Amino acid sequence: MSNADLPRVWFSGNDRAAINLYGLWLPRSVADLERLGGELREGLRVIIHEPGELEMEAILSYSPEFEAWVARGDEDTLVYYPEGNDSGT
């Protein structure tokens, strides 16, 4: 599956639970996860993104500690968008 084919999940970089680990418990993240339906599973590769700001590849897992899905970001794939650029929407 190419990067362009990966499901996209909104996230907030402010919800960093640990180094490279981002919580997906905010309503926009939860809605994106729900749209995955039966595709949602441990180890699923996705793009996590903050529209107009940044995006990166990540691997999903369910965290019993947070009782929510989390994404382990691959910062080698991190792309920042220039201010005012709507890429990544």
C-alpha atoms as a PDB file:
ATOM      1  CA  MET A   1       0.000   0.000   0.000  1.00  0.00           C
ATOM      2  CA  SER A   2       1.494   3.343  -0.985  1.00  0.00           C
ATOM      3  CA  ASN A   3       1.480   6.377   1.270  1.00  0.00           C
ATOM      4  CA  ALA A   4      -1.287   7.899  -0.883  1.00  0.00           C
ATOM      5  CA  ASP A   5      -3.503   4.861  -0.190  1.00  0.00           C
ATOM      6  CA  LEU A   6      -3.124   4.945   3.587  1.00  0.00           C
ATOM      7  CA  PRO A   7      -6.178   5.948   5.642  1.00  0.00           C
ATOM      8  CA  ARG A   8      -5.959   9.451   7.103  1.00  0.00           C
ATOM      9  CA  VAL A   9      -6.690  10.119  10.783  1.00  0.00           C
ATOM     10  CA  TRP A  10      -6.820  13.610  12.276  1.00  0.00           C
ATOM     11  CA  PHE A  11      -4.720  14.154  15.387  1.00  0.00           C
ATOM     12  CA  SER A  12      -3.555  16.948  17.631  1.00  0.00           C
ATOM     13  CA  GLY A  13       0.181  17.190  18.194  1.00  0.00           C
ATOM     14  CA  ASN A  14      -0.733  18.554  21.617  1.00  0.00           C
ATOM     15  CA  ASP A  15      -2.038  15.105  22.602  1.00  0.00           C
ATOM     16  CA  ARG A  16       1.378  13.483  22.751  1.00  0.00           C
ATOM     17  CA  ALA A  17       1.129  10.654  25.271  1.00  0.00           C
ATOM     18  CA  ALA A  18       4.830   9.715  25.046  1.00  0.00           C
ATOM     19  CA  ILE A  19       7.709  10.156  22.615  1.00  0.00           C
ATOM     20  CA  ASN A  20       6.237   9.616  19.116  1.00  0.00           C
ATOM     21  CA  LEU A  21       2.954   8.377  20.651  1.00  0.00           C
ATOM     22  CA  TYR A  22      -0.161  10.446  20.014  1.00  0.00           C
ATOM     23  CA  GLY A  23      -3.605  10.023  21.550  1.00  0.00           C
ATOM     24  CA  LEU A  24      -6.529   9.658  19.159  1.00  0.00           C
ATOM     25  CA  TRP A  25      -9.290  10.378  21.673  1.00  0.00           C
ATOM     26  CA  LEU A  26     -10.502  13.781  20.479  1.00  0.00           C
ATOM     27  CA  PRO A  27     -13.835  13.801  18.597  1.00  0.00           C
ATOM     28  CA  ARG A  28     -12.305  14.410  15.138  1.00  0.00           C
ATOM     29  CA  SER A  29      -9.859  11.521  15.624  1.00  0.00           C
ATOM     30  CA  VAL A  30     -12.597   9.224  16.911  1.00  0.00           C
ATOM     31  CA  ALA A  31     -14.788  10.069  13.900  1.00  0.00           C
ATOM     32  CA  ASP A  32     -11.955   9.225  11.491  1.00  0.00           C
ATOM     33  CA  LEU A  33     -11.322   5.941  13.311  1.00  0.00           C
ATOM     34  CA  GLU A  34     -15.027   5.064  13.169  1.00  0.00           C
ATOM     35  CA  ARG A  35     -14.973   5.612   9.387  1.00  0.00           C
ATOM     36  CA  LEU A  36     -12.352   2.842   9.143  1.00  0.00           C
ATOM     37  CA  GLY A  37     -14.981   0.334  10.283  1.00  0.00           C
ATOM     38  CA  GLY A  38     -13.729  -3.246  10.010  1.00  0.00           C
ATOM     39  CA  GLU A  39     -10.356  -2.023   8.767  1.00  0.00           C
ATOM     40  CA  LEU A  40      -9.492  -0.653  12.259  1.00  0.00           C
ATOM     41  CA  ARG A  41      -7.019  -2.983  13.976  1.00  0.00           C
ATOM     42  CA  GLU A  42      -3.772  -3.126  15.932  1.00  0.00           C
ATOM     43  CA  GLY A  43      -0.808  -2.464  13.661  1.00  0.00           C
ATOM     44  CA  LEU A  44      -2.772  -0.640  10.941  1.00  0.00           C
ATOM     45  CA  ARG A  45      -0.555   1.847   9.092  1.00  0.00           C
ATOM     46  CA  VAL A  46      -2.191   5.271   8.651  1.00  0.00           C
ATOM     47  CA  ILE A  47      -1.343   8.901   8.022  1.00  0.00           C
ATOM     48  CA  ILE A  48      -1.981  11.081  11.056  1.00  0.00           C
ATOM     49  CA  HIS A  49      -2.430  14.726  10.155  1.00  0.00           C
ATOM     50  CA  GLU A  50      -3.173  18.202  11.382  1.00  0.00           C
ATOM     51  CA  PRO A  51      -4.610  19.816   8.230  1.00  0.00           C
ATOM     52  CA  GLY A  52      -2.503  22.662   6.934  1.00  0.00           C
ATOM     53  CA  GLU A  53       0.244  21.960   9.510  1.00  0.00           C
ATOM     54  CA  LEU A  54       1.803  18.497   9.362  1.00  0.00           C
ATOM     55  CA  GLU A  55       1.366  14.819   8.655  1.00  0.00           C
ATOM     56  CA  MET A  56       3.300  11.578   9.120  1.00  0.00           C
ATOM     57  CA  GLU A  57       2.900   7.840   8.852  1.00  0.00           C
ATOM     58  CA  ALA A  58       1.944   6.041  12.050  1.00  0.00           C
ATOM     59  CA  ILE A  59       0.993   2.625  13.394  1.00  0.00           C
ATOM     60  CA  LEU A  60      -2.231   2.271  15.391  1.00  0.00           C
ATOM     61  CA  SER A  61      -2.608   0.398  18.653  1.00  0.00           C
ATOM     62  CA  TYR A  62      -5.187   0.322  21.404  1.00  0.00           C
ATOM     63  CA  SER A  63      -3.937   1.564  24.769  1.00  0.00           C
ATOM     64  CA  PRO A  64      -5.616   0.016  27.829  1.00  0.00           C
ATOM     65  CA  GLU A  65      -3.857   2.699  29.895  1.00  0.00           C
ATOM     66  CA  PHE A  66      -5.675   5.495  28.039  1.00  0.00           C
ATOM     67  CA  GLU A  67      -8.703   3.388  27.032  1.00  0.00           C
ATOM     68  CA  ALA A  68      -8.295   4.810  23.539  1.00  0.00           C
ATOM     69  CA  TRP A  69      -6.519   4.295  20.244  1.00  0.00           C
ATOM     70  CA  VAL A  70      -3.056   5.788  19.920  1.00  0.00           C
ATOM     71  CA  ALA A  71      -0.719   6.275  16.982  1.00  0.00           C
ATOM     72  CA  ARG A  72       3.034   5.724  17.079  1.00  0.00           C
ATOM     73  CA  GLY A  73       4.345   8.301  14.628  1.00  0.00           C
ATOM     74  CA  ASP A  74       7.232   7.652  12.264  1.00  0.00           C
ATOM     75  CA  GLU A  75       8.994  10.992  12.458  1.00  0.00           C
ATOM     76  CA  ASP A  76      11.193  10.023   9.490  1.00  0.00           C
ATOM     77  CA  THR A  77       8.058  10.557   7.380  1.00  0.00           C
ATOM     78  CA  LEU A  78       7.098  13.879   9.019  1.00  0.00           C
ATOM     79  CA  VAL A  79       6.081  16.615   6.570  1.00  0.00           C
ATOM     80  CA  TYR A  80       5.462  20.188   7.728  1.00  0.00           C
ATOM     81  CA  TYR A  81       3.331  22.474   5.587  1.00  0.00           C
ATOM     82  CA  PRO A  82       4.167  26.163   5.239  1.00  0.00           C
ATOM     83  CA  GLU A  83       1.859  28.501   7.130  1.00  0.00           C
ATOM     84  CA  GLY A  84      -1.272  29.183   5.083  1.00  0.00           C
ATOM     85  CA  ASN A  85      -0.818  26.078   2.914  1.00  0.00           C
ATOM     86  CA  ASP A  86      -3.901  23.868   2.862  1.00  0.00           C
ATOM     87  CA  SER A  87      -1.965  20.710   1.883  1.00  0.00           C
ATOM     88  CA  GLY A  88      -2.768  17.734   4.033  1.00  0.00           C
ATOM     89  CA  THR A  89      -6.464  18.546   4.276  1.00  0.00           C
END
